[in-house]
Amino acid sequence: MTTEQLRNAMHVTPFRPFVIHTADSREIRVAHPDFIAHTPNTRTVIVTQPDDSYEALDLLLIVGLEFMPPAPAAATEQE
């Protein structure tokens, strides 16, 4: 995984939720762009969840991204 690929996923408009797949077979969901942070020039990615749990990931151990369909407009308005 490259920094540019991750940055593109984080900043695509409109945002599409995605799942990060890691080398040790974990799947970490990123439901909103506010839930992921990457500092330029580092290999660390922080992903938080709505329950305030978080994971610190090494960018080199991310093996892929799986993009989810965008949330329907009606579902977003009801939340």
PDB file of N, CA and C in Angstrom:
ATOM      1  N   MET A   1       0.851  -1.170   0.000  1.00  0.00           N
ATOM      2  CA  MET A   1       0.000   0.000   0.000  1.00  0.00           C
ATOM      3  C   MET A   1       0.898   1.234   0.000  1.00  0.00           C
ATOM      4  N   THR A   2       0.571   2.172  -0.843  1.00  0.00           N
ATOM      5  CA  THR A   2       1.345   3.412  -0.871  1.00  0.00           C
ATOM      6  C   THR A   2       0.601   4.511  -0.119  1.00  0.00           C
ATOM      7  N   THR A   3       1.344   5.500   0.314  1.00  0.00           N
ATOM      8  CA  THR A   3       0.757   6.651   0.989  1.00  0.00           C
ATOM      9  C   THR A   3      -0.258   7.325   0.083  1.00  0.00           C
ATOM     10  N   GLU A   4       0.063   7.433  -1.192  1.00  0.00           N
ATOM     11  CA  GLU A   4      -0.840   8.089  -2.143  1.00  0.00           C
ATOM     12  C   GLU A   4      -2.162   7.335  -2.288  1.00  0.00           C
ATOM     13  N   GLN A   5      -2.121   6.013  -2.330  1.00  0.00           N
ATOM     14  CA  GLN A   5      -3.350   5.224  -2.432  1.00  0.00           C
ATOM     15  C   GLN A   5      -4.236   5.436  -1.214  1.00  0.00           C
ATOM     16  N   LEU A   6      -3.633   5.434  -0.038  1.00  0.00           N
ATOM     17  CA  LEU A   6      -4.403   5.652   1.183  1.00  0.00           C
ATOM     18  C   LEU A   6      -4.960   7.070   1.212  1.00  0.00           C
ATOM     19  N   ARG A   7      -4.145   8.042   0.875  1.00  0.00           N
ATOM     20  CA  ARG A   7      -4.595   9.436   0.866  1.00  0.00           C
ATOM     21  C   ARG A   7      -5.775   9.620  -0.093  1.00  0.00           C
ATOM     22  N   ASN A   8      -5.718   8.992  -1.249  1.00  0.00           N
ATOM     23  CA  ASN A   8      -6.824   9.085  -2.207  1.00  0.00           C
ATOM     24  C   ASN A   8      -8.108   8.510  -1.618  1.00  0.00           C
ATOM     25  N   ALA A   9      -8.008   7.382  -0.916  1.00  0.00           N
ATOM     26  CA  ALA A   9      -9.188   6.777  -0.290  1.00  0.00           C
ATOM     27  C   ALA A   9      -9.744   7.669   0.812  1.00  0.00           C
ATOM     28  N   MET A  10      -8.874   8.335   1.536  1.00  0.00           N
ATOM     29  CA  MET A  10      -9.293   9.194   2.641  1.00  0.00           C
ATOM     30  C   MET A  10      -9.997  10.459   2.165  1.00  0.00           C
ATOM     31  N   HIS A  11      -9.604  10.941   0.983  1.00  0.00           N
ATOM     32  CA  HIS A  11     -10.083  12.251   0.536  1.00  0.00           C
ATOM     33  C   HIS A  11     -10.986  12.230  -0.692  1.00  0.00           C
ATOM     34  N   VAL A  12     -11.408  11.055  -1.128  1.00  0.00           N
ATOM     35  CA  VAL A  12     -12.293  10.989  -2.293  1.00  0.00           C
ATOM     36  C   VAL A  12     -13.626  11.684  -1.971  1.00  0.00           C
ATOM     37  N   THR A  13     -14.161  12.379  -2.977  1.00  0.00           N
ATOM     38  CA  THR A  13     -15.428  13.091  -2.801  1.00  0.00           C
ATOM     39  C   THR A  13     -16.421  12.585  -3.839  1.00  0.00           C
ATOM     40  N   PRO A  14     -17.594  12.130  -3.418  1.00  0.00           N
ATOM     41  CA  PRO A  14     -18.026  11.967  -2.038  1.00  0.00           C
ATOM     42  C   PRO A  14     -17.292  10.791  -1.402  1.00  0.00           C
ATOM     43  N   PHE A  15     -17.136  10.849  -0.079  1.00  0.00           N
ATOM     44  CA  PHE A  15     -16.413   9.806   0.641  1.00  0.00           C
ATOM     45  C   PHE A  15     -17.141   8.474   0.511  1.00  0.00           C
ATOM     46  N   ARG A  16     -16.363   7.431   0.315  1.00  0.00           N
ATOM     47  CA  ARG A  16     -16.905   6.067   0.290  1.00  0.00           C
ATOM     48  C   ARG A  16     -16.293   5.299   1.447  1.00  0.00           C
ATOM     49  N   PRO A  17     -17.112   4.750   2.339  1.00  0.00           N
ATOM     50  CA  PRO A  17     -16.560   3.936   3.422  1.00  0.00           C
ATOM     51  C   PRO A  17     -15.709   2.816   2.835  1.00  0.00           C
ATOM     52  N   PHE A  18     -14.676   2.417   3.574  1.00  0.00           N
ATOM     53  CA  PHE A  18     -13.831   1.333   3.096  1.00  0.00           C
ATOM     54  C   PHE A  18     -13.335   0.493   4.257  1.00  0.00           C
ATOM     55  N   VAL A  19     -12.840  -0.679   3.906  1.00  0.00           N
ATOM     56  CA  VAL A  19     -12.276  -1.611   4.872  1.00  0.00           C
ATOM     57  C   VAL A  19     -10.801  -1.765   4.541  1.00  0.00           C
ATOM     58  N   ILE A  20      -9.963  -1.628   5.570  1.00  0.00           N
ATOM     59  CA  ILE A  20      -8.528  -1.846   5.423  1.00  0.00           C
ATOM     60  C   ILE A  20      -8.248  -3.313   5.715  1.00  0.00           C
ATOM     61  N   HIS A  21      -7.555  -3.976   4.802  1.00  0.00           N
ATOM     62  CA  HIS A  21      -7.135  -5.364   4.992  1.00  0.00           C
ATOM     63  C   HIS A  21      -5.646  -5.362   5.331  1.00  0.00           C
ATOM     64  N   THR A  22      -5.287  -6.060   6.408  1.00  0.00           N
ATOM     65  CA  THR A  22      -3.898  -6.082   6.851  1.00  0.00           C
ATOM     66  C   THR A  22      -3.241  -7.433   6.566  1.00  0.00           C
ATOM     67  N   ALA A  23      -1.932  -7.455   6.663  1.00  0.00           N
ATOM     68  CA  ALA A  23      -1.169  -8.672   6.381  1.00  0.00           C
ATOM     69  C   ALA A  23      -1.512  -9.807   7.341  1.00  0.00           C
ATOM     70  N   ASP A  24      -1.983  -9.462   8.553  1.00  0.00           N
ATOM     71  CA  ASP A  24      -2.359 -10.509   9.512  1.00  0.00           C
ATOM     72  C   ASP A  24      -3.858 -10.818   9.471  1.00  0.00           C
ATOM     73  N   SER A  25      -4.498 -10.492   8.352  1.00  0.00           N
ATOM     74  CA  SER A  25      -5.902 -10.815   8.055  1.00  0.00           C
ATOM     75  C   SER A  25      -6.934 -10.023   8.843  1.00  0.00           C
ATOM     76  N   ARG A  26      -6.534  -8.923   9.485  1.00  0.00           N
ATOM     77  CA  ARG A  26      -7.531  -8.088  10.151  1.00  0.00           C
ATOM     78  C   ARG A  26      -8.248  -7.248   9.109  1.00  0.00           C
ATOM     79  N   GLU A  27      -9.469  -6.872   9.443  1.00  0.00           N
ATOM     80  CA  GLU A  27     -10.280  -5.985   8.610  1.00  0.00           C
ATOM     81  C   GLU A  27     -10.730  -4.834   9.493  1.00  0.00           C
ATOM     82  N   ILE A  28     -10.326  -3.612   9.132  1.00  0.00           N
ATOM     83  CA  ILE A  28     -10.651  -2.434   9.924  1.00  0.00           C
ATOM     84  C   ILE A  28     -11.507  -1.514   9.074  1.00  0.00           C
ATOM     85  N   ARG A  29     -12.724  -1.277   9.523  1.00  0.00           N
ATOM     86  CA  ARG A  29     -13.680  -0.446   8.778  1.00  0.00           C
ATOM     87  C   ARG A  29     -13.419   1.025   9.040  1.00  0.00           C
ATOM     88  N   VAL A  30     -13.454   1.817   7.963  1.00  0.00           N
ATOM     89  CA  VAL A  30     -13.357   3.275   8.045  1.00  0.00           C
ATOM     90  C   VAL A  30     -14.682   3.815   7.520  1.00  0.00           C
ATOM     91  N   ALA A  31     -15.563   4.208   8.453  1.00  0.00           N
ATOM     92  CA  ALA A  31     -16.918   4.604   8.094  1.00  0.00           C
ATOM     93  C   ALA A  31     -17.033   6.067   7.681  1.00  0.00           C
ATOM     94  N   HIS A  32     -16.046   6.884   8.072  1.00  0.00           N
ATOM     95  CA  HIS A  32     -16.123   8.323   7.817  1.00  0.00           C
ATOM     96  C   HIS A  32     -14.699   8.869   7.765  1.00  0.00           C
ATOM     97  N   PRO A  33     -14.445   9.899   6.969  1.00  0.00           N
ATOM     98  CA  PRO A  33     -13.071  10.412   6.871  1.00  0.00           C
ATOM     99  C   PRO A  33     -12.535  10.976   8.182  1.00  0.00           C
ATOM    100  N   ASP A  34     -13.403  11.353   9.106  1.00  0.00           N
ATOM    101  CA  ASP A  34     -12.942  11.848  10.398  1.00  0.00           C
ATOM    102  C   ASP A  34     -12.377  10.733  11.277  1.00  0.00           C
ATOM    103  N   PHE A  35     -12.570   9.472  10.878  1.00  0.00           N
ATOM    104  CA  PHE A  35     -12.143   8.341  11.696  1.00  0.00           C
ATOM    105  C   PHE A  35     -10.778   7.787  11.306  1.00  0.00           C
ATOM    106  N   ILE A  36     -10.067   8.456  10.397  1.00  0.00           N
ATOM    107  CA  ILE A  36      -8.746   7.980   9.982  1.00  0.00           C
ATOM    108  C   ILE A  36      -7.783   9.163   9.907  1.00  0.00           C
ATOM    109  N   ALA A  37      -6.555   8.913  10.363  1.00  0.00           N
ATOM    110  CA  ALA A  37      -5.531   9.958  10.326  1.00  0.00           C
ATOM    111  C   ALA A  37      -4.206   9.345   9.907  1.00  0.00           C
ATOM    112  N   HIS A  38      -3.495  10.085   9.076  1.00  0.00           N
ATOM    113  CA  HIS A  38      -2.155   9.689   8.653  1.00  0.00           C
ATOM    114  C   HIS A  38      -1.303  10.939   8.599  1.00  0.00           C
ATOM    115  N   THR A  39      -0.223  10.939   9.341  1.00  0.00           N
ATOM    116  CA  THR A  39       0.687  12.078   9.330  1.00  0.00           C
ATOM    117  C   THR A  39       1.651  11.917   8.165  1.00  0.00           C
ATOM    118  N   PRO A  40       1.789  12.950   7.352  1.00  0.00           N
ATOM    119  CA  PRO A  40       2.732  12.844   6.223  1.00  0.00           C
ATOM    120  C   PRO A  40       4.129  12.454   6.706  1.00  0.00           C
ATOM    121  N   ASN A  41       4.840  11.730   5.885  1.00  0.00           N
ATOM    122  CA  ASN A  41       6.216  11.299   6.142  1.00  0.00           C
ATOM    123  C   ASN A  41       6.342  10.288   7.275  1.00  0.00           C
ATOM    124  N   THR A  42       5.235   9.615   7.629  1.00  0.00           N
ATOM    125  CA  THR A  42       5.310   8.532   8.613  1.00  0.00           C
ATOM    126  C   THR A  42       4.638   7.308   8.024  1.00  0.00           C
ATOM    127  N   ARG A  43       4.817   6.170   8.688  1.00  0.00           N
ATOM    128  CA  ARG A  43       4.177   4.932   8.244  1.00  0.00           C
ATOM    129  C   ARG A  43       2.992   4.579   9.126  1.00  0.00           C
ATOM    130  N   THR A  44       2.638   5.434  10.078  1.00  0.00           N
ATOM    131  CA  THR A  44       1.575   5.113  11.023  1.00  0.00           C
ATOM    132  C   THR A  44       0.244   5.685  10.582  1.00  0.00           C
ATOM    133  N   VAL A  45      -0.778   4.840  10.646  1.00  0.00           N
ATOM    134  CA  VAL A  45      -2.147   5.219  10.338  1.00  0.00           C
ATOM    135  C   VAL A  45      -2.970   4.933  11.582  1.00  0.00           C
ATOM    136  N   ILE A  46      -3.785   5.886  12.023  1.00  0.00           N
ATOM    137  CA  ILE A  46      -4.654   5.695  13.179  1.00  0.00           C
ATOM    138  C   ILE A  46      -6.088   5.637  12.680  1.00  0.00           C
ATOM    139  N   VAL A  47      -6.804   4.579  13.064  1.00  0.00           N
ATOM    140  CA  VAL A  47      -8.214   4.431  12.695  1.00  0.00           C
ATOM    141  C   VAL A  47      -9.015   4.345  13.992  1.00  0.00           C
ATOM    142  N   THR A  48      -9.982   5.245  14.153  1.00  0.00           N
ATOM    143  CA  THR A  48     -10.847   5.204  15.324  1.00  0.00           C
ATOM    144  C   THR A  48     -12.207   4.658  14.926  1.00  0.00           C
ATOM    145  N   GLN A  49     -12.937   4.175  15.926  1.00  0.00           N
ATOM    146  CA  GLN A  49     -14.270   3.626  15.703  1.00  0.00           C
ATOM    147  C   GLN A  49     -15.286   4.453  16.496  1.00  0.00           C
ATOM    148  N   PRO A  50     -16.567   4.348  16.160  1.00  0.00           N
ATOM    149  CA  PRO A  50     -17.591   5.124  16.877  1.00  0.00           C
ATOM    150  C   PRO A  50     -17.619   4.861  18.383  1.00  0.00           C
ATOM    151  N   ASP A  51     -17.138   3.697  18.837  1.00  0.00           N
ATOM    152  CA  ASP A  51     -17.132   3.398  20.271  1.00  0.00           C
ATOM    153  C   ASP A  51     -15.863   3.909  20.971  1.00  0.00           C
ATOM    154  N   ASP A  52     -15.081   4.756  20.289  1.00  0.00           N
ATOM    155  CA  ASP A  52     -13.845   5.358  20.796  1.00  0.00           C
ATOM    156  C   ASP A  52     -12.661   4.392  20.872  1.00  0.00           C
ATOM    157  N   SER A  53     -12.806   3.168  20.389  1.00  0.00           N
ATOM    158  CA  SER A  53     -11.641   2.293  20.277  1.00  0.00           C
ATOM    159  C   SER A  53     -10.834   2.763  19.061  1.00  0.00           C
ATOM    160  N   TYR A  54      -9.565   2.379  19.022  1.00  0.00           N
ATOM    161  CA  TYR A  54      -8.743   2.776  17.885  1.00  0.00           C
ATOM    162  C   TYR A  54      -7.647   1.750  17.642  1.00  0.00           C
ATOM    163  N   GLU A  55      -7.092   1.813  16.438  1.00  0.00           N
ATOM    164  CA  GLU A  55      -5.972   0.950  16.074  1.00  0.00           C
ATOM    165  C   GLU A  55      -4.914   1.805  15.408  1.00  0.00           C
ATOM    166  N   ALA A  56      -3.662   1.535  15.739  1.00  0.00           N
ATOM    167  CA  ALA A  56      -2.519   2.151  15.071  1.00  0.00           C
ATOM    168  C   ALA A  56      -1.941   1.092  14.137  1.00  0.00           C
ATOM    169  N   LEU A  57      -1.869   1.418  12.870  1.00  0.00           N
ATOM    170  CA  LEU A  57      -1.430   0.467  11.857  1.00  0.00           C
ATOM    171  C   LEU A  57      -0.155   0.955  11.177  1.00  0.00           C
ATOM    172  N   ASP A  58       0.688   0.024  10.798  1.00  0.00           N
ATOM    173  CA  ASP A  58       1.860   0.328   9.991  1.00  0.00           C
ATOM    174  C   ASP A  58       1.412   0.296   8.528  1.00  0.00           C
ATOM    175  N   LEU A  59       1.628   1.373   7.818  1.00  0.00           N
ATOM    176  CA  LEU A  59       1.201   1.477   6.421  1.00  0.00           C
ATOM    177  C   LEU A  59       1.741   0.316   5.580  1.00  0.00           C
ATOM    178  N   LEU A  60       2.936  -0.155   5.892  1.00  0.00           N
ATOM    179  CA  LEU A  60       3.520  -1.244   5.105  1.00  0.00           C
ATOM    180  C   LEU A  60       2.820  -2.581   5.329  1.00  0.00           C
ATOM    181  N   LEU A  61       2.001  -2.687   6.382  1.00  0.00           N
ATOM    182  CA  LEU A  61       1.286  -3.931   6.654  1.00  0.00           C
ATOM    183  C   LEU A  61      -0.147  -3.913   6.133  1.00  0.00           C
ATOM    184  N   ILE A  62      -0.532  -2.829   5.465  1.00  0.00           N
ATOM    185  CA  ILE A  62      -1.842  -2.762   4.824  1.00  0.00           C
ATOM    186  C   ILE A  62      -1.698  -3.379   3.436  1.00  0.00           C
ATOM    187  N   VAL A  63      -2.472  -4.432   3.195  1.00  0.00           N
ATOM    188  CA  VAL A  63      -2.342  -5.139   1.927  1.00  0.00           C
ATOM    189  C   VAL A  63      -3.418  -4.772   0.916  1.00  0.00           C
ATOM    190  N   GLY A  64      -4.483  -4.115   1.365  1.00  0.00           N
ATOM    191  CA  GLY A  64      -5.519  -3.737   0.416  1.00  0.00           C
ATOM    192  C   GLY A  64      -6.630  -2.934   1.059  1.00  0.00           C
ATOM    193  N   LEU A  65      -7.418  -2.310   0.202  1.00  0.00           N
ATOM    194  CA  LEU A  65      -8.595  -1.555   0.611  1.00  0.00           C
ATOM    195  C   LEU A  65      -9.799  -2.114  -0.125  1.00  0.00           C
ATOM    196  N   GLU A  66     -10.893  -2.246   0.586  1.00  0.00           N
ATOM    197  CA  GLU A  66     -12.156  -2.721  -0.009  1.00  0.00           C
ATOM    198  C   GLU A  66     -13.171  -1.600   0.151  1.00  0.00           C
ATOM    199  N   PHE A  67     -13.637  -1.057  -0.949  1.00  0.00           N
ATOM    200  CA  PHE A  67     -14.561   0.068  -0.907  1.00  0.00           C
ATOM    201  C   PHE A  67     -15.995  -0.409  -0.824  1.00  0.00           C
ATOM    202  N   MET A  68     -16.749   0.227   0.062  1.00  0.00           N
ATOM    203  CA  MET A  68     -18.147  -0.089   0.276  1.00  0.00           C
ATOM    204  C   MET A  68     -18.989   0.880  -0.562  1.00  0.00           C
ATOM    205  N   PRO A  69     -20.242   0.530  -0.846  1.00  0.00           N
ATOM    206  CA  PRO A  69     -21.103   1.461  -1.565  1.00  0.00           C
ATOM    207  C   PRO A  69     -21.362   2.697  -0.686  1.00  0.00           C
ATOM    208  N   PRO A  70     -21.519   3.848  -1.313  1.00  0.00           N
ATOM    209  CA  PRO A  70     -21.851   5.039  -0.521  1.00  0.00           C
ATOM    210  C   PRO A  70     -23.185   4.848   0.189  1.00  0.00           C
ATOM    211  N   ALA A  71     -23.316   5.477   1.350  1.00  0.00           N
ATOM    212  CA  ALA A  71     -24.587   5.391   2.084  1.00  0.00           C
ATOM    213  C   ALA A  71     -25.670   6.107   1.299  1.00  0.00           C
ATOM    214  N   PRO A  72     -26.868   5.529   1.224  1.00  0.00           N
ATOM    215  CA  PRO A  72     -27.965   6.207   0.524  1.00  0.00           C
ATOM    216  C   PRO A  72     -28.280   7.547   1.193  1.00  0.00           C
ATOM    217  N   ALA A  73     -28.688   8.524   0.416  1.00  0.00           N
ATOM    218  CA  ALA A  73     -28.975   9.864   0.959  1.00  0.00           C
ATOM    219  C   ALA A  73     -30.030   9.805   2.042  1.00  0.00           C
ATOM    220  N   ALA A  74     -31.068   8.986   1.884  1.00  0.00           N
ATOM    221  CA  ALA A  74     -32.145   8.901   2.879  1.00  0.00           C
ATOM    222  C   ALA A  74     -31.610   8.387   4.210  1.00  0.00           C
ATOM    223  N   ALA A  75     -30.699   7.417   4.189  1.00  0.00           N
ATOM    224  CA  ALA A  75     -30.151   6.881   5.429  1.00  0.00           C
ATOM    225  C   ALA A  75     -29.308   7.930   6.147  1.00  0.00           C
ATOM    226  N   THR A  76     -28.575   8.732   5.408  1.00  0.00           N
ATOM    227  CA  THR A  76     -27.744   9.773   5.996  1.00  0.00           C
ATOM    228  C   THR A  76     -28.615  10.838   6.641  1.00  0.00           C
ATOM    229  N   GLU A  77     -29.731  11.188   6.026  1.00  0.00           N
ATOM    230  CA  GLU A  77     -30.611  12.239   6.559  1.00  0.00           C
ATOM    231  C   GLU A  77     -31.284  11.815   7.834  1.00  0.00           C
ATOM    232  N   GLN A  78     -31.537  10.502   8.022  1.00  0.00           N
ATOM    233  CA  GLN A  78     -32.248  10.021   9.207  1.00  0.00           C
ATOM    234  C   GLN A  78     -31.353   9.954  10.431  1.00  0.00           C
ATOM    235  N   GLU A  79     -30.039   9.899  10.266  1.00  0.00           N
ATOM    236  CA  GLU A  79     -29.107   9.753  11.387  1.00  0.00           C
ATOM    237  C   GLU A  79     -28.946  11.015  12.157  1.00  0.00           C
TER     238      GLU A  79
END
